[in-house]
């Protein structure tokens, strides 16, 4: 966890300690200390604040993506600026949550991220819609009925095995659908797919499920 607010770190730590399946392995309160951790073993999940005393958490995300390519990265911040959201996603974050919903729900969000989901606060999804090329005509994306079903389930936070069970297909078939969805949307991550799908009105407009 990279977070400069000691009270928030304590709250997250206490929330994690109540679980049987999550362990907090390291903490840093600034960019410099966060980068010092990058030479160590990669965690499964990295929780990053953006407003750090010696720089932006986006730089930490970029460095972590380079050193820990298998680590799932989630932003937890007070900032709901759409530019920061875009910068974080482009840097490698696959989840973006406002602190108002944390840390009471942090364990569930960590599990979702680790299982392949992309936790995104509804307000963040709305901001993305107004920020990403708002005056550009939206292209038509032709998804099959099953691809649309998979996309909807992804946006609701379901993981691949759960989607397979719901659609009565194999996980490998779901993986194929996800790959096709990424190709059609021109994205490379679930967070990017969800934000672009909302902008293209493929998920019922600007309201997050």
C-alpha atoms as a PDB file:
ATOM      1  CA  UNK A   1       0.000   0.000   0.000  1.00  0.00           C
ATOM      2  CA  UNK A   2       1.323   3.418  -0.986  1.00  0.00           C
ATOM      3  CA  UNK A   3      -0.526   6.003   1.090  1.00  0.00           C
ATOM      4  CA  UNK A   4       0.594   9.108   2.993  1.00  0.00           C
ATOM      5  CA  UNK A   5      -2.484   9.398   5.241  1.00  0.00           C
ATOM      6  CA  UNK A   6      -1.567   7.470   8.405  1.00  0.00           C
ATOM      7  CA  UNK A   7      -5.197   7.205   9.507  1.00  0.00           C
ATOM      8  CA  UNK A   8      -6.250   5.714   6.204  1.00  0.00           C
ATOM      9  CA  UNK A   9      -3.358   3.245   6.274  1.00  0.00           C
ATOM     10  CA  UNK A  10      -4.374   2.176   9.761  1.00  0.00           C
ATOM     11  CA  UNK A  11      -8.004   1.729   8.715  1.00  0.00           C
ATOM     12  CA  UNK A  12      -7.014  -0.405   5.714  1.00  0.00           C
ATOM     13  CA  UNK A  13      -4.586  -2.405   7.824  1.00  0.00           C
ATOM     14  CA  UNK A  14      -7.292  -3.169  10.374  1.00  0.00           C
ATOM     15  CA  UNK A  15      -9.762  -4.137   7.651  1.00  0.00           C
ATOM     16  CA  UNK A  16      -7.254  -6.517   6.096  1.00  0.00           C
ATOM     17  CA  UNK A  17      -6.347  -8.053   9.452  1.00  0.00           C
ATOM     18  CA  UNK A  18      -9.945  -9.217   9.880  1.00  0.00           C
ATOM     19  CA  UNK A  19      -9.675 -11.420   6.771  1.00  0.00           C
ATOM     20  CA  UNK A  20      -8.210 -14.899   6.417  1.00  0.00           C
ATOM     21  CA  UNK A  21      -7.080 -14.562   2.808  1.00  0.00           C
ATOM     22  CA  UNK A  22      -5.441 -11.125   2.536  1.00  0.00           C
ATOM     23  CA  UNK A  23      -2.133 -10.022   4.022  1.00  0.00           C
ATOM     24  CA  UNK A  24      -0.591  -6.549   3.904  1.00  0.00           C
ATOM     25  CA  UNK A  25       3.050  -7.149   3.020  1.00  0.00           C
ATOM     26  CA  UNK A  26       4.471  -3.614   2.814  1.00  0.00           C
ATOM     27  CA  UNK A  27       3.587   0.058   3.213  1.00  0.00           C
ATOM     28  CA  UNK A  28       5.077   3.279   1.869  1.00  0.00           C
ATOM     29  CA  UNK A  29       4.058   6.879   2.519  1.00  0.00           C
ATOM     30  CA  UNK A  30       5.717   8.556  -0.470  1.00  0.00           C
ATOM     31  CA  UNK A  31       6.941   7.914  -4.006  1.00  0.00           C
ATOM     32  CA  UNK A  32      10.567   7.461  -2.972  1.00  0.00           C
ATOM     33  CA  UNK A  33       9.789   4.768  -0.401  1.00  0.00           C
ATOM     34  CA  UNK A  34       7.419   3.097  -2.840  1.00  0.00           C
ATOM     35  CA  UNK A  35      10.132   2.868  -5.506  1.00  0.00           C
ATOM     36  CA  UNK A  36      12.505   1.386  -2.927  1.00  0.00           C
ATOM     37  CA  UNK A  37      10.093  -1.541  -2.579  1.00  0.00           C
ATOM     38  CA  UNK A  38      10.160  -2.353  -6.293  1.00  0.00           C
ATOM     39  CA  UNK A  39      13.330  -4.413  -6.031  1.00  0.00           C
ATOM     40  CA  UNK A  40      11.539  -6.777  -3.656  1.00  0.00           C
ATOM     41  CA  UNK A  41       9.057  -9.549  -4.418  1.00  0.00           C
ATOM     42  CA  UNK A  42       5.949  -8.566  -6.356  1.00  0.00           C
ATOM     43  CA  UNK A  43       2.675  -8.468  -4.418  1.00  0.00           C
ATOM     44  CA  UNK A  44      -0.561  -9.711  -5.932  1.00  0.00           C
ATOM     45  CA  UNK A  45      -2.235  -6.314  -5.491  1.00  0.00           C
ATOM     46  CA  UNK A  46      -0.859  -2.783  -5.130  1.00  0.00           C
ATOM     47  CA  UNK A  47      -3.056  -0.063  -3.601  1.00  0.00           C
ATOM     48  CA  UNK A  48      -1.879   3.435  -4.586  1.00  0.00           C
ATOM     49  CA  UNK A  49      -2.900   6.952  -3.589  1.00  0.00           C
ATOM     50  CA  UNK A  50      -2.302   9.670  -6.190  1.00  0.00           C
ATOM     51  CA  UNK A  51      -1.663  12.689  -3.970  1.00  0.00           C
ATOM     52  CA  UNK A  52       1.693  11.834  -2.403  1.00  0.00           C
ATOM     53  CA  UNK A  53       4.000  14.376  -0.723  1.00  0.00           C
ATOM     54  CA  UNK A  54       6.876  13.966  -3.181  1.00  0.00           C
ATOM     55  CA  UNK A  55       5.014  13.429  -6.443  1.00  0.00           C
ATOM     56  CA  UNK A  56       2.091  11.770  -8.180  1.00  0.00           C
ATOM     57  CA  UNK A  57       1.073   8.198  -7.545  1.00  0.00           C
ATOM     58  CA  UNK A  58       0.810   7.807 -11.327  1.00  0.00           C
ATOM     59  CA  UNK A  59       4.618   7.605 -11.456  1.00  0.00           C
ATOM     60  CA  UNK A  60       4.495   4.816  -8.882  1.00  0.00           C
ATOM     61  CA  UNK A  61       1.959   2.953 -11.026  1.00  0.00           C
ATOM     62  CA  UNK A  62       4.200   3.265 -14.097  1.00  0.00           C
ATOM     63  CA  UNK A  63       7.240   2.008 -12.191  1.00  0.00           C
ATOM     64  CA  UNK A  64       5.295  -0.840 -10.584  1.00  0.00           C
ATOM     65  CA  UNK A  65       3.926  -1.959 -13.949  1.00  0.00           C
ATOM     66  CA  UNK A  66       7.490  -2.152 -15.279  1.00  0.00           C
ATOM     67  CA  UNK A  67       8.968  -3.986 -12.270  1.00  0.00           C
ATOM     68  CA  UNK A  68       5.919  -6.069 -11.308  1.00  0.00           C
ATOM     69  CA  UNK A  69       4.070  -6.881 -14.556  1.00  0.00           C
ATOM     70  CA  UNK A  70       1.845  -9.494 -12.875  1.00  0.00           C
ATOM     71  CA  UNK A  71       0.726  -7.198 -10.058  1.00  0.00           C
ATOM     72  CA  UNK A  72      -2.853  -5.849 -10.200  1.00  0.00           C
ATOM     73  CA  UNK A  73      -2.878  -2.128  -9.383  1.00  0.00           C
ATOM     74  CA  UNK A  74      -5.772  -0.207  -7.846  1.00  0.00           C
ATOM     75  CA  UNK A  75      -5.993   3.520  -7.142  1.00  0.00           C
ATOM     76  CA  UNK A  76      -7.617   4.642  -3.892  1.00  0.00           C
ATOM     77  CA  UNK A  77      -7.741   8.423  -3.742  1.00  0.00           C
ATOM     78  CA  UNK A  78      -9.744  11.548  -2.975  1.00  0.00           C
ATOM     79  CA  UNK A  79      -9.216  12.834  -6.525  1.00  0.00           C
ATOM     80  CA  UNK A  80     -12.066  12.291  -8.968  1.00  0.00           C
ATOM     81  CA  UNK A  81     -10.485  14.274 -11.797  1.00  0.00           C
ATOM     82  CA  UNK A  82     -11.056  12.453 -15.081  1.00  0.00           C
ATOM     83  CA  UNK A  83      -7.573  13.363 -16.368  1.00  0.00           C
ATOM     84  CA  UNK A  84      -5.992  11.611 -13.399  1.00  0.00           C
ATOM     85  CA  UNK A  85      -8.216   8.610 -14.009  1.00  0.00           C
ATOM     86  CA  UNK A  86      -7.052   8.401 -17.617  1.00  0.00           C
ATOM     87  CA  UNK A  87      -3.422   8.866 -16.633  1.00  0.00           C
ATOM     88  CA  UNK A  88      -3.733   6.114 -14.026  1.00  0.00           C
ATOM     89  CA  UNK A  89      -5.371   3.660 -16.422  1.00  0.00           C
ATOM     90  CA  UNK A  90      -2.808   4.368 -19.125  1.00  0.00           C
ATOM     91  CA  UNK A  91      -0.036   3.881 -16.569  1.00  0.00           C
ATOM     92  CA  UNK A  92      -1.380   0.432 -15.704  1.00  0.00           C
ATOM     93  CA  UNK A  93      -4.081   0.720 -13.032  1.00  0.00           C
ATOM     94  CA  UNK A  94      -7.015  -1.666 -13.462  1.00  0.00           C
ATOM     95  CA  UNK A  95      -9.158  -0.291 -10.639  1.00  0.00           C
ATOM     96  CA  UNK A  96     -10.012   3.237  -9.462  1.00  0.00           C
ATOM     97  CA  UNK A  97     -11.907   3.897  -6.263  1.00  0.00           C
ATOM     98  CA  UNK A  98     -12.704   7.022  -4.298  1.00  0.00           C
ATOM     99  CA  UNK A  99     -11.818   6.852  -0.618  1.00  0.00           C
ATOM    100  CA  UNK A 100     -15.378   7.634   0.391  1.00  0.00           C
ATOM    101  CA  UNK A 101     -16.230   3.969  -0.281  1.00  0.00           C
ATOM    102  CA  UNK A 102     -13.187   2.689   1.611  1.00  0.00           C
ATOM    103  CA  UNK A 103     -11.825   1.089   3.706  1.00  0.00           C
ATOM    104  CA  UNK A 104     -15.005  -0.694   4.852  1.00  0.00           C
ATOM    105  CA  UNK A 105     -15.265  -2.424   1.462  1.00  0.00           C
ATOM    106  CA  UNK A 106     -11.551  -2.643   0.694  1.00  0.00           C
ATOM    107  CA  UNK A 107     -11.247  -6.403   1.222  1.00  0.00           C
ATOM    108  CA  UNK A 108     -13.983  -7.116  -1.308  1.00  0.00           C
ATOM    109  CA  UNK A 109     -12.440  -4.735  -3.837  1.00  0.00           C
ATOM    110  CA  UNK A 110      -9.019  -6.338  -3.408  1.00  0.00           C
ATOM    111  CA  UNK A 111     -10.501  -9.786  -3.997  1.00  0.00           C
ATOM    112  CA  UNK A 112     -12.339  -8.565  -7.112  1.00  0.00           C
ATOM    113  CA  UNK A 113      -9.179  -7.004  -8.515  1.00  0.00           C
ATOM    114  CA  UNK A 114      -7.118 -10.124  -7.778  1.00  0.00           C
ATOM    115  CA  UNK A 115      -9.744 -12.293  -9.489  1.00  0.00           C
ATOM    116  CA  UNK A 116      -9.559 -10.247 -12.669  1.00  0.00           C
ATOM    117  CA  UNK A 117     -12.290  -7.681 -12.023  1.00  0.00           C
ATOM    118  CA  UNK A 118     -11.953  -3.894 -12.302  1.00  0.00           C
ATOM    119  CA  UNK A 119     -13.497  -2.026  -9.374  1.00  0.00           C
ATOM    120  CA  UNK A 120     -14.426   1.492 -10.522  1.00  0.00           C
ATOM    121  CA  UNK A 121     -16.452   4.028  -8.542  1.00  0.00           C
ATOM    122  CA  UNK A 122     -19.651   5.061 -10.385  1.00  0.00           C
ATOM    123  CA  UNK A 123     -18.672   8.748 -10.232  1.00  0.00           C
ATOM    124  CA  UNK A 124     -15.401   7.924 -11.971  1.00  0.00           C
ATOM    125  CA  UNK A 125     -17.238   6.179 -14.807  1.00  0.00           C
ATOM    126  CA  UNK A 126     -19.416   9.267 -15.303  1.00  0.00           C
ATOM    127  CA  UNK A 127     -16.397  11.572 -15.381  1.00  0.00           C
ATOM    128  CA  UNK A 128     -14.746   9.392 -18.003  1.00  0.00           C
ATOM    129  CA  UNK A 129     -17.758   9.784 -20.272  1.00  0.00           C
ATOM    130  CA  UNK A 130     -17.445  13.565 -20.316  1.00  0.00           C
ATOM    131  CA  UNK A 131     -13.667  13.644 -20.570  1.00  0.00           C
ATOM    132  CA  UNK A 132     -12.793  11.174 -23.328  1.00  0.00           C
ATOM    133  CA  UNK A 133     -13.306  12.947 -26.657  1.00  0.00           C
ATOM    134  CA  UNK A 134     -16.757  14.341 -25.765  1.00  0.00           C
ATOM    135  CA  UNK A 135     -17.204  16.116 -29.116  1.00  0.00           C
ATOM    136  CA  UNK A 136     -16.015  13.260 -31.309  1.00  0.00           C
ATOM    137  CA  UNK A 137     -18.714  11.243 -33.106  1.00  0.00           C
ATOM    138  CA  UNK A 138     -18.952   7.827 -31.516  1.00  0.00           C
ATOM    139  CA  UNK A 139     -17.968   4.905 -33.751  1.00  0.00           C
ATOM    140  CA  UNK A 140     -20.285   1.973 -34.217  1.00  0.00           C
ATOM    141  CA  UNK A 141     -19.039  -1.181 -32.498  1.00  0.00           C
ATOM    142  CA  UNK A 142     -20.716  -4.366 -33.632  1.00  0.00           C
ATOM    143  CA  UNK A 143     -20.730  -6.882 -30.764  1.00  0.00           C
ATOM    144  CA  UNK A 144     -22.420 -10.250 -31.001  1.00  0.00           C
ATOM    145  CA  UNK A 145     -25.152 -11.026 -28.476  1.00  0.00           C
ATOM    146  CA  UNK A 146     -22.819 -13.239 -26.469  1.00  0.00           C
ATOM    147  CA  UNK A 147     -20.014 -10.656 -26.546  1.00  0.00           C
ATOM    148  CA  UNK A 148     -22.501  -8.092 -25.264  1.00  0.00           C
ATOM    149  CA  UNK A 149     -23.470 -10.438 -22.431  1.00  0.00           C
ATOM    150  CA  UNK A 150     -19.827 -10.945 -21.497  1.00  0.00           C
ATOM    151  CA  UNK A 151     -19.128  -7.201 -21.618  1.00  0.00           C
ATOM    152  CA  UNK A 152     -22.096  -6.501 -19.331  1.00  0.00           C
ATOM    153  CA  UNK A 153     -20.946  -9.111 -16.816  1.00  0.00           C
ATOM    154  CA  UNK A 154     -17.388  -7.736 -16.896  1.00  0.00           C
ATOM    155  CA  UNK A 155     -18.710  -4.257 -16.111  1.00  0.00           C
ATOM    156  CA  UNK A 156     -20.519  -5.696 -13.092  1.00  0.00           C
ATOM    157  CA  UNK A 157     -17.258  -7.070 -11.709  1.00  0.00           C
ATOM    158  CA  UNK A 158     -17.751 -10.762 -12.531  1.00  0.00           C
ATOM    159  CA  UNK A 159     -14.626 -12.861 -13.110  1.00  0.00           C
ATOM    160  CA  UNK A 160     -14.079 -15.277 -15.985  1.00  0.00           C
ATOM    161  CA  UNK A 161     -15.133 -18.469 -14.167  1.00  0.00           C
ATOM    162  CA  UNK A 162     -18.316 -16.826 -12.909  1.00  0.00           C
ATOM    163  CA  UNK A 163     -19.162 -15.560 -16.399  1.00  0.00           C
ATOM    164  CA  UNK A 164     -18.583 -19.037 -17.829  1.00  0.00           C
ATOM    165  CA  UNK A 165     -20.976 -20.542 -15.312  1.00  0.00           C
ATOM    166  CA  UNK A 166     -23.645 -17.910 -15.935  1.00  0.00           C
ATOM    167  CA  UNK A 167     -23.467 -18.342 -19.713  1.00  0.00           C
ATOM    168  CA  UNK A 168     -23.022 -22.132 -19.582  1.00  0.00           C
ATOM    169  CA  UNK A 169     -19.802 -22.068 -21.590  1.00  0.00           C
ATOM    170  CA  UNK A 170     -16.188 -22.920 -20.791  1.00  0.00           C
ATOM    171  CA  UNK A 171     -13.767 -20.360 -19.294  1.00  0.00           C
ATOM    172  CA  UNK A 172     -11.691 -20.657 -22.476  1.00  0.00           C
ATOM    173  CA  UNK A 173     -14.717 -19.619 -24.536  1.00  0.00           C
ATOM    174  CA  UNK A 174     -15.199 -16.606 -22.250  1.00  0.00           C
ATOM    175  CA  UNK A 175     -11.531 -15.742 -22.700  1.00  0.00           C
ATOM    176  CA  UNK A 176     -12.060 -15.795 -26.471  1.00  0.00           C
ATOM    177  CA  UNK A 177     -15.062 -13.464 -26.142  1.00  0.00           C
ATOM    178  CA  UNK A 178     -13.044 -11.080 -23.961  1.00  0.00           C
ATOM    179  CA  UNK A 179     -10.202 -11.038 -26.488  1.00  0.00           C
ATOM    180  CA  UNK A 180     -12.651 -10.228 -29.294  1.00  0.00           C
ATOM    181  CA  UNK A 181     -14.240  -7.462 -27.207  1.00  0.00           C
ATOM    182  CA  UNK A 182     -10.825  -5.924 -26.545  1.00  0.00           C
ATOM    183  CA  UNK A 183      -9.996  -6.069 -30.253  1.00  0.00           C
ATOM    184  CA  UNK A 184     -13.271  -4.445 -31.291  1.00  0.00           C
ATOM    185  CA  UNK A 185     -12.985  -1.708 -28.656  1.00  0.00           C
ATOM    186  CA  UNK A 186      -9.266  -1.189 -29.293  1.00  0.00           C
ATOM    187  CA  UNK A 187      -8.306  -1.621 -25.626  1.00  0.00           C
ATOM    188  CA  UNK A 188      -5.996  -3.856 -23.610  1.00  0.00           C
ATOM    189  CA  UNK A 189      -7.518  -3.985 -20.115  1.00  0.00           C
ATOM    190  CA  UNK A 190     -10.851  -4.454 -18.389  1.00  0.00           C
ATOM    191  CA  UNK A 191     -10.845  -0.960 -16.925  1.00  0.00           C
ATOM    192  CA  UNK A 192     -10.289   0.551 -20.372  1.00  0.00           C
ATOM    193  CA  UNK A 193     -12.960  -1.708 -21.892  1.00  0.00           C
ATOM    194  CA  UNK A 194     -15.515  -0.665 -19.276  1.00  0.00           C
ATOM    195  CA  UNK A 195     -14.846   3.063 -19.579  1.00  0.00           C
ATOM    196  CA  UNK A 196     -14.938   2.955 -23.398  1.00  0.00           C
ATOM    197  CA  UNK A 197     -18.071   0.798 -23.419  1.00  0.00           C
ATOM    198  CA  UNK A 198     -19.897   3.372 -21.308  1.00  0.00           C
ATOM    199  CA  UNK A 199     -18.753   6.175 -23.596  1.00  0.00           C
ATOM    200  CA  UNK A 200     -20.014   4.234 -26.610  1.00  0.00           C
ATOM    201  CA  UNK A 201     -23.337   3.597 -24.861  1.00  0.00           C
ATOM    202  CA  UNK A 202     -22.783  -0.174 -24.967  1.00  0.00           C
ATOM    203  CA  UNK A 203     -23.745  -0.511 -21.317  1.00  0.00           C
ATOM    204  CA  UNK A 204     -26.878   1.531 -21.100  1.00  0.00           C
ATOM    205  CA  UNK A 205     -25.477   5.039 -21.048  1.00  0.00           C
ATOM    206  CA  UNK A 206     -23.576   6.795 -18.319  1.00  0.00           C
ATOM    207  CA  UNK A 207     -24.903   4.951 -15.291  1.00  0.00           C
ATOM    208  CA  UNK A 208     -22.577   2.440 -13.715  1.00  0.00           C
ATOM    209  CA  UNK A 209     -24.339  -0.860 -12.724  1.00  0.00           C
END
